[in-house]
Each structure stands twice: as structure tokens, then as C-alpha cells.
PDB file of N, CA and C in Angstrom:
ATOM      1  N   UNK A   1    -132.085  56.030 -26.406  1.00  0.00           N
ATOM      2  CA  UNK A   1    -132.614  57.336 -26.072  1.00  0.00           C
ATOM      3  C   UNK A   1    -134.023  57.202 -25.489  1.00  0.00           C
ATOM      4  N   UNK A   2    -134.862  56.442 -26.144  1.00  0.00           N
ATOM      5  CA  UNK A   2    -136.226  56.245 -25.665  1.00  0.00           C
ATOM      6  C   UNK A   2    -136.234  55.393 -24.394  1.00  0.00           C
ATOM      7  N   UNK A   3    -135.279  54.481 -24.295  1.00  0.00           N
ATOM      8  CA  UNK A   3    -135.179  53.642 -23.097  1.00  0.00           C
ATOM      9  C   UNK A   3    -134.894  54.496 -21.866  1.00  0.00           C
ATOM     10  N   UNK A   4    -133.978  55.460 -22.002  1.00  0.00           N
ATOM     11  CA  UNK A   4    -133.679  56.361 -20.884  1.00  0.00           C
ATOM     12  C   UNK A   4    -134.892  57.210 -20.526  1.00  0.00           C
ATOM     13  N   UNK A   5    -135.651  57.590 -21.541  1.00  0.00           N
ATOM     14  CA  UNK A   5    -136.867  58.362 -21.301  1.00  0.00           C
ATOM     15  C   UNK A   5    -137.864  57.538 -20.492  1.00  0.00           C
ATOM     16  N   UNK A   6    -138.003  56.257 -20.845  1.00  0.00           N
ATOM     17  CA  UNK A   6    -138.903  55.382 -20.095  1.00  0.00           C
ATOM     18  C   UNK A   6    -138.393  55.161 -18.667  1.00  0.00           C
ATOM     19  N   UNK A   7    -137.083  55.054 -18.508  1.00  0.00           N
ATOM     20  CA  UNK A   7    -136.515  54.846 -17.177  1.00  0.00           C
ATOM     21  C   UNK A   7    -136.748  56.042 -16.266  1.00  0.00           C
ATOM     22  N   UNK A   8    -136.889  57.213 -16.835  1.00  0.00           N
ATOM     23  CA  UNK A   8    -137.102  58.394 -16.001  1.00  0.00           C
ATOM     24  C   UNK A   8    -138.464  58.363 -15.310  1.00  0.00           C
ATOM     25  N   UNK A   9    -139.353  57.492 -15.755  1.00  0.00           N
ATOM     26  CA  UNK A   9    -140.679  57.401 -15.151  1.00  0.00           C
ATOM     27  C   UNK A   9    -140.779  56.296 -14.101  1.00  0.00           C
ATOM     28  N   UNK A  10    -139.665  55.657 -13.777  1.00  0.00           N
ATOM     29  CA  UNK A  10    -139.687  54.636 -12.731  1.00  0.00           C
ATOM     30  C   UNK A  10    -139.951  55.324 -11.395  1.00  0.00           C
ATOM     31  N   UNK A  11    -140.933  54.844 -10.691  1.00  0.00           N
ATOM     32  CA  UNK A  11    -141.279  55.410  -9.391  1.00  0.00           C
ATOM     33  C   UNK A  11    -142.239  56.581  -9.466  1.00  0.00           C
ATOM     34  N   UNK A  12    -142.647  56.954 -10.666  1.00  0.00           N
ATOM     35  CA  UNK A  12    -143.580  58.066 -10.838  1.00  0.00           C
ATOM     36  C   UNK A  12    -144.989  57.500 -10.927  1.00  0.00           C
ATOM     37  N   UNK A  13    -145.908  58.146 -10.251  1.00  0.00           N
ATOM     38  CA  UNK A  13    -147.300  57.712 -10.325  1.00  0.00           C
ATOM     39  C   UNK A  13    -147.896  58.177 -11.649  1.00  0.00           C
ATOM     40  N   UNK A  14    -148.499  57.246 -12.369  1.00  0.00           N
ATOM     41  CA  UNK A  14    -149.024  57.552 -13.695  1.00  0.00           C
ATOM     42  C   UNK A  14    -150.409  58.171 -13.596  1.00  0.00           C
ATOM     43  N   UNK A  15    -150.598  59.206 -14.382  1.00  0.00           N
ATOM     44  CA  UNK A  15    -151.923  59.764 -14.579  1.00  0.00           C
ATOM     45  C   UNK A  15    -152.092  59.993 -16.079  1.00  0.00           C
ATOM     46  N   UNK A  16    -153.208  60.529 -16.462  1.00  0.00           N
ATOM     47  CA  UNK A  16    -153.510  60.688 -17.886  1.00  0.00           C
ATOM     48  C   UNK A  16    -152.499  61.587 -18.588  1.00  0.00           C
ATOM     49  N   UNK A  17    -152.051  62.637 -17.924  1.00  0.00           N
ATOM     50  CA  UNK A  17    -151.105  63.578 -18.527  1.00  0.00           C
ATOM     51  C   UNK A  17    -149.760  62.911 -18.822  1.00  0.00           C
ATOM     52  N   UNK A  18    -149.275  62.106 -17.898  1.00  0.00           N
ATOM     53  CA  UNK A  18    -147.983  61.438 -18.080  1.00  0.00           C
ATOM     54  C   UNK A  18    -148.085  60.363 -19.159  1.00  0.00           C
ATOM     55  N   UNK A  19    -149.160  59.601 -19.158  1.00  0.00           N
ATOM     56  CA  UNK A  19    -149.342  58.565 -20.184  1.00  0.00           C
ATOM     57  C   UNK A  19    -149.448  59.198 -21.565  1.00  0.00           C
ATOM     58  N   UNK A  20    -150.138  60.324 -21.645  1.00  0.00           N
ATOM     59  CA  UNK A  20    -150.259  61.022 -22.923  1.00  0.00           C
ATOM     60  C   UNK A  20    -148.897  61.522 -23.401  1.00  0.00           C
ATOM     61  N   UNK A  21    -148.080  62.038 -22.497  1.00  0.00           N
ATOM     62  CA  UNK A  21    -146.739  62.508 -22.865  1.00  0.00           C
ATOM     63  C   UNK A  21    -145.867  61.354 -23.341  1.00  0.00           C
ATOM     64  N   UNK A  22    -145.967  60.210 -22.672  1.00  0.00           N
ATOM     65  CA  UNK A  22    -145.187  59.034 -23.075  1.00  0.00           C
ATOM     66  C   UNK A  22    -145.614  58.563 -24.458  1.00  0.00           C
ATOM     67  N   UNK A  23    -146.902  58.522 -24.721  1.00  0.00           N
ATOM     68  CA  UNK A  23    -147.396  58.066 -26.025  1.00  0.00           C
ATOM     69  C   UNK A  23    -146.975  59.019 -27.141  1.00  0.00           C
ATOM     70  N   UNK A  24    -147.071  60.313 -26.907  1.00  0.00           N
ATOM     71  CA  UNK A  24    -146.675  61.284 -27.934  1.00  0.00           C
ATOM     72  C   UNK A  24    -145.195  61.158 -28.239  1.00  0.00           C
ATOM     73  N   UNK A  25    -144.367  61.055 -27.207  1.00  0.00           N
ATOM     74  CA  UNK A  25    -142.920  60.908 -27.403  1.00  0.00           C
ATOM     75  C   UNK A  25    -142.611  59.597 -28.129  1.00  0.00           C
ATOM     76  N   UNK A  26    -143.288  58.508 -27.764  1.00  0.00           N
ATOM     77  CA  UNK A  26    -143.038  57.212 -28.400  1.00  0.00           C
ATOM     78  C   UNK A  26    -143.424  57.232 -29.870  1.00  0.00           C
ATOM     79  N   UNK A  27    -144.589  57.785 -30.181  1.00  0.00           N
ATOM     80  CA  UNK A  27    -145.032  57.859 -31.577  1.00  0.00           C
ATOM     81  C   UNK A  27    -144.093  58.728 -32.391  1.00  0.00           C
ATOM     82  N   UNK A  28    -143.660  59.844 -31.831  1.00  0.00           N
ATOM     83  CA  UNK A  28    -142.738  60.734 -32.533  1.00  0.00           C
ATOM     84  C   UNK A  28    -141.413  60.033 -32.831  1.00  0.00           C
ATOM     85  N   UNK A  29    -140.887  59.295 -31.860  1.00  0.00           N
ATOM     86  CA  UNK A  29    -139.623  58.584 -32.065  1.00  0.00           C
ATOM     87  C   UNK A  29    -139.764  57.484 -33.114  1.00  0.00           C
ATOM     88  N   UNK A  30    -140.873  56.768 -33.106  1.00  0.00           N
ATOM     89  CA  UNK A  30    -141.095  55.715 -34.104  1.00  0.00           C
ATOM     90  C   UNK A  30    -141.214  56.324 -35.496  1.00  0.00           C
ATOM     91  N   UNK A  31    -141.899  57.458 -35.608  1.00  0.00           N
ATOM     92  CA  UNK A  31    -142.014  58.124 -36.907  1.00  0.00           C
ATOM     93  C   UNK A  31    -140.658  58.586 -37.421  1.00  0.00           C
ATOM     94  N   UNK A  32    -139.802  59.070 -36.535  1.00  0.00           N
ATOM     95  CA  UNK A  32    -138.459  59.481 -36.951  1.00  0.00           C
ATOM     96  C   UNK A  32    -137.666  58.277 -37.458  1.00  0.00           C
ATOM     97  N   UNK A  33    -137.835  57.134 -36.813  1.00  0.00           N
ATOM     98  CA  UNK A  33    -137.114  55.928 -37.235  1.00  0.00           C
ATOM     99  C   UNK A  33    -137.643  55.414 -38.573  1.00  0.00           C
ATOM    100  N   UNK A  34    -138.960  55.444 -38.764  1.00  0.00           N
ATOM    101  CA  UNK A  34    -139.559  54.877 -39.971  1.00  0.00           C
ATOM    102  C   UNK A  34    -139.551  55.825 -41.168  1.00  0.00           C
ATOM    103  N   UNK A  35    -139.383  57.112 -40.948  1.00  0.00           N
ATOM    104  CA  UNK A  35    -139.462  58.090 -42.040  1.00  0.00           C
ATOM    105  C   UNK A  35    -138.468  57.810 -43.170  1.00  0.00           C
ATOM    106  N   UNK A  36    -137.183  57.549 -42.903  1.00  0.00           N
ATOM    107  CA  UNK A  36    -136.271  57.277 -44.022  1.00  0.00           C
ATOM    108  C   UNK A  36    -136.639  56.023 -44.811  1.00  0.00           C
ATOM    109  N   UNK A  37    -137.129  55.004 -44.127  1.00  0.00           N
ATOM    110  CA  UNK A  37    -137.505  53.770 -44.808  1.00  0.00           C
ATOM    111  C   UNK A  37    -138.707  54.013 -45.716  1.00  0.00           C
ATOM    112  N   UNK A  38    -139.731  54.662 -45.185  1.00  0.00           N
ATOM    113  CA  UNK A  38    -140.939  54.934 -45.968  1.00  0.00           C
ATOM    114  C   UNK A  38    -140.623  55.865 -47.128  1.00  0.00           C
ATOM    115  N   UNK A  39    -139.800  56.870 -46.885  1.00  0.00           N
ATOM    116  CA  UNK A  39    -139.439  57.816 -47.942  1.00  0.00           C
ATOM    117  C   UNK A  39    -138.667  57.133 -49.064  1.00  0.00           C
ATOM    118  N   UNK A  40    -137.732  56.242 -48.718  1.00  0.00           N
ATOM    119  CA  UNK A  40    -136.972  55.551 -49.763  1.00  0.00           C
ATOM    120  C   UNK A  40    -137.866  54.608 -50.568  1.00  0.00           C
ATOM    121  N   UNK A  41    -138.835  53.964 -49.927  1.00  0.00           N
ATOM    122  CA  UNK A  41    -139.766  53.097 -50.655  1.00  0.00           C
ATOM    123  C   UNK A  41    -140.643  53.920 -51.588  1.00  0.00           C
ATOM    124  N   UNK A  42    -141.090  55.086 -51.130  1.00  0.00           N
ATOM    125  CA  UNK A  42    -141.907  55.951 -51.985  1.00  0.00           C
ATOM    126  C   UNK A  42    -141.113  56.437 -53.195  1.00  0.00           C
ATOM    127  N   UNK A  43    -139.869  56.837 -52.982  1.00  0.00           N
ATOM    128  CA  UNK A  43    -139.030  57.305 -54.089  1.00  0.00           C
ATOM    129  C   UNK A  43    -138.773  56.172 -55.072  1.00  0.00           C
ATOM    130  N   UNK A  44    -138.511  54.964 -54.564  1.00  0.00           N
ATOM    131  CA  UNK A  44    -138.288  53.816 -55.446  1.00  0.00           C
ATOM    132  C   UNK A  44    -139.533  53.511 -56.268  1.00  0.00           C
ATOM    133  N   UNK A  45    -140.705  53.625 -55.676  1.00  0.00           N
ATOM    134  CA  UNK A  45    -141.946  53.381 -56.407  1.00  0.00           C
ATOM    135  C   UNK A  45    -142.179  54.399 -57.502  1.00  0.00           C
ATOM    136  N   UNK A  46    -141.946  55.663 -57.201  1.00  0.00           N
ATOM    137  CA  UNK A  46    -142.136  56.712 -58.211  1.00  0.00           C
ATOM    138  C   UNK A  46    -141.111  56.560 -59.328  1.00  0.00           C
ATOM    139  N   UNK A  47    -139.854  56.308 -58.969  1.00  0.00           N
ATOM    140  CA  UNK A  47    -138.824  56.132 -60.002  1.00  0.00           C
ATOM    141  C   UNK A  47    -139.092  54.895 -60.854  1.00  0.00           C
ATOM    142  N   UNK A  48    -139.549  53.816 -60.235  1.00  0.00           N
ATOM    143  CA  UNK A  48    -139.882  52.615 -61.004  1.00  0.00           C
ATOM    144  C   UNK A  48    -141.012  52.867 -61.981  1.00  0.00           C
ATOM    145  N   UNK A  49    -142.004  53.624 -61.557  1.00  0.00           N
ATOM    146  CA  UNK A  49    -143.118  53.960 -62.441  1.00  0.00           C
ATOM    147  C   UNK A  49    -142.648  54.836 -63.593  1.00  0.00           C
ATOM    148  N   UNK A  50    -141.808  55.808 -63.318  1.00  0.00           N
ATOM    149  CA  UNK A  50    -141.295  56.682 -64.379  1.00  0.00           C
ATOM    150  C   UNK A  50    -140.411  55.896 -65.336  1.00  0.00           C
ATOM    151  N   UNK A  51    -139.608  54.963 -64.811  1.00  0.00           N
ATOM    152  CA  UNK A  51    -138.738  54.178 -65.686  1.00  0.00           C
ATOM    153  C   UNK A  51    -139.548  53.240 -66.581  1.00  0.00           C
ATOM    154  N   UNK A  52    -140.662  52.716 -66.108  1.00  0.00           N
ATOM    155  CA  UNK A  52    -141.467  51.800 -66.910  1.00  0.00           C
ATOM    156  C   UNK A  52    -142.287  52.526 -67.965  1.00  0.00           C
ATOM    157  N   UNK A  53    -142.944  53.594 -67.583  1.00  0.00           N
ATOM    158  CA  UNK A  53    -143.909  54.239 -68.466  1.00  0.00           C
ATOM    159  C   UNK A  53    -143.495  55.629 -68.916  1.00  0.00           C
ATOM    160  N   UNK A  54    -142.447  56.187 -68.370  1.00  0.00           N
ATOM    161  CA  UNK A  54    -142.073  57.557 -68.679  1.00  0.00           C
ATOM    162  C   UNK A  54    -142.920  58.520 -67.868  1.00  0.00           C
ATOM    163  N   UNK A  55    -142.595  59.788 -67.991  1.00  0.00           N
ATOM    164  CA  UNK A  55    -143.343  60.794 -67.248  1.00  0.00           C
ATOM    165  C   UNK A  55    -144.587  61.153 -68.037  1.00  0.00           C
ATOM    166  N   UNK A  56    -145.739  60.761 -67.531  1.00  0.00           N
ATOM    167  CA  UNK A  56    -147.010  61.005 -68.211  1.00  0.00           C
ATOM    168  C   UNK A  56    -147.800  62.011 -67.386  1.00  0.00           C
ATOM    169  N   UNK A  57    -148.103  63.152 -68.012  1.00  0.00           N
ATOM    170  CA  UNK A  57    -148.925  64.161 -67.347  1.00  0.00           C
ATOM    171  C   UNK A  57    -149.970  64.643 -68.326  1.00  0.00           C
ATOM    172  N   UNK A  58    -151.208  64.576 -67.940  1.00  0.00           N
ATOM    173  CA  UNK A  58    -152.289  65.044 -68.795  1.00  0.00           C
ATOM    174  C   UNK A  58    -153.382  65.648 -67.933  1.00  0.00           C
ATOM    175  N   UNK A  59    -154.088  66.592 -68.510  1.00  0.00           N
ATOM    176  CA  UNK A  59    -155.219  67.185 -67.793  1.00  0.00           C
ATOM    177  C   UNK A  59    -156.529  66.534 -68.207  1.00  0.00           C
ATOM    178  N   UNK A  60    -156.492  65.707 -69.267  1.00  0.00           N
ATOM    179  CA  UNK A  60    -157.697  65.001 -69.709  1.00  0.00           C
ATOM    180  C   UNK A  60    -157.914  63.778 -68.827  1.00  0.00           C
ATOM    181  N   UNK A  61    -159.163  63.519 -68.423  1.00  0.00           N
ATOM    182  CA  UNK A  61    -159.417  62.301 -67.641  1.00  0.00           C
ATOM    183  C   UNK A  61    -159.308  61.066 -68.536  1.00  0.00           C
ATOM    184  N   UNK A  62    -158.909  59.970 -67.955  1.00  0.00           N
ATOM    185  CA  UNK A  62    -158.806  58.719 -68.699  1.00  0.00           C
ATOM    186  C   UNK A  62    -160.203  58.131 -68.831  1.00  0.00           C
ATOM    187  N   UNK A  63    -160.662  57.966 -70.077  1.00  0.00           N
ATOM    188  CA  UNK A  63    -161.994  57.430 -70.341  1.00  0.00           C
ATOM    189  C   UNK A  63    -161.868  56.040 -70.957  1.00  0.00           C
ATOM    190  N   UNK A  64    -162.586  55.059 -70.425  1.00  0.00           N
ATOM    191  CA  UNK A  64    -162.544  53.731 -71.027  1.00  0.00           C
ATOM    192  C   UNK A  64    -163.314  53.717 -72.345  1.00  0.00           C
ATOM    193  N   UNK A  65    -162.827  52.909 -73.290  1.00  0.00           N
ATOM    194  CA  UNK A  65    -163.495  52.745 -74.574  1.00  0.00           C
ATOM    195  C   UNK A  65    -164.241  51.415 -74.533  1.00  0.00           C
ATOM    196  N   UNK A  66    -165.534  51.479 -74.284  1.00  0.00           N
ATOM    197  CA  UNK A  66    -166.325  50.260 -74.145  1.00  0.00           C
ATOM    198  C   UNK A  66    -166.514  49.533 -75.469  1.00  0.00           C
ATOM    199  N   UNK A  67    -166.272  50.188 -76.602  1.00  0.00           N
ATOM    200  CA  UNK A  67    -166.393  49.553 -77.901  1.00  0.00           C
ATOM    201  C   UNK A  67    -165.297  48.530 -78.157  1.00  0.00           C
ATOM    202  N   UNK A  68    -164.192  48.605 -77.431  1.00  0.00           N
ATOM    203  CA  UNK A  68    -163.087  47.670 -77.631  1.00  0.00           C
ATOM    204  C   UNK A  68    -163.254  46.382 -76.833  1.00  0.00           C
ATOM    205  N   UNK A  69    -164.282  46.278 -76.022  1.00  0.00           N
ATOM    206  CA  UNK A  69    -164.501  45.075 -75.225  1.00  0.00           C
ATOM    207  C   UNK A  69    -165.182  44.027 -76.098  1.00  0.00           C
ATOM    208  N   UNK A  70    -164.552  42.865 -76.207  1.00  0.00           N
ATOM    209  CA  UNK A  70    -165.078  41.767 -77.006  1.00  0.00           C
ATOM    210  C   UNK A  70    -165.629  40.710 -76.052  1.00  0.00           C
ATOM    211  N   UNK A  71    -166.936  40.455 -76.070  1.00  0.00           N
ATOM    212  CA  UNK A  71    -167.494  39.483 -75.127  1.00  0.00           C
ATOM    213  C   UNK A  71    -167.108  38.045 -75.449  1.00  0.00           C
ATOM    214  N   UNK A  72    -166.696  37.751 -76.669  1.00  0.00           N
ATOM    215  CA  UNK A  72    -166.347  36.376 -77.038  1.00  0.00           C
ATOM    216  C   UNK A  72    -164.904  36.257 -77.345  1.00  0.00           C
TER     217      UNK A  72
END
């Protein structure tokens, strides 16, 4: 599909407007191709985190306890 789009510009004189249109179309097509892969990796990461630690939700900030640090 993108190859045919590129072929349509054979013999056309390039200017900034045409190059910008080609770049926008190319980036959009690459994002469509990569979206399912990135989405599945994100879902796997979230599910892996939930499976390891369970669903943890708190409104309290996590504060380190410096008294538990043993220098020796």
C-alpha cells in the first residue's frame, strides 16, 4: 500500500509540501503497523506485574525507612 503511494510520486517535482505529505503518510503507516505490537507488550507488562505483586493501589506515597539501613 505504501509502495504504491511512493510510486505515485515518480516524475513529480518535490517541494516542501509534497515531502511533508510523504513523511506524514509514512509515519502514520508505521504507527499503524507498530501499534498492535506495542500494545501487546504493554498489556503483557501490566499483566506480569499484576500476577507477581497483585493489584496494589494506594493514595499514600511510598516513604523509605532509613532506620532499616544497616551500614555494616
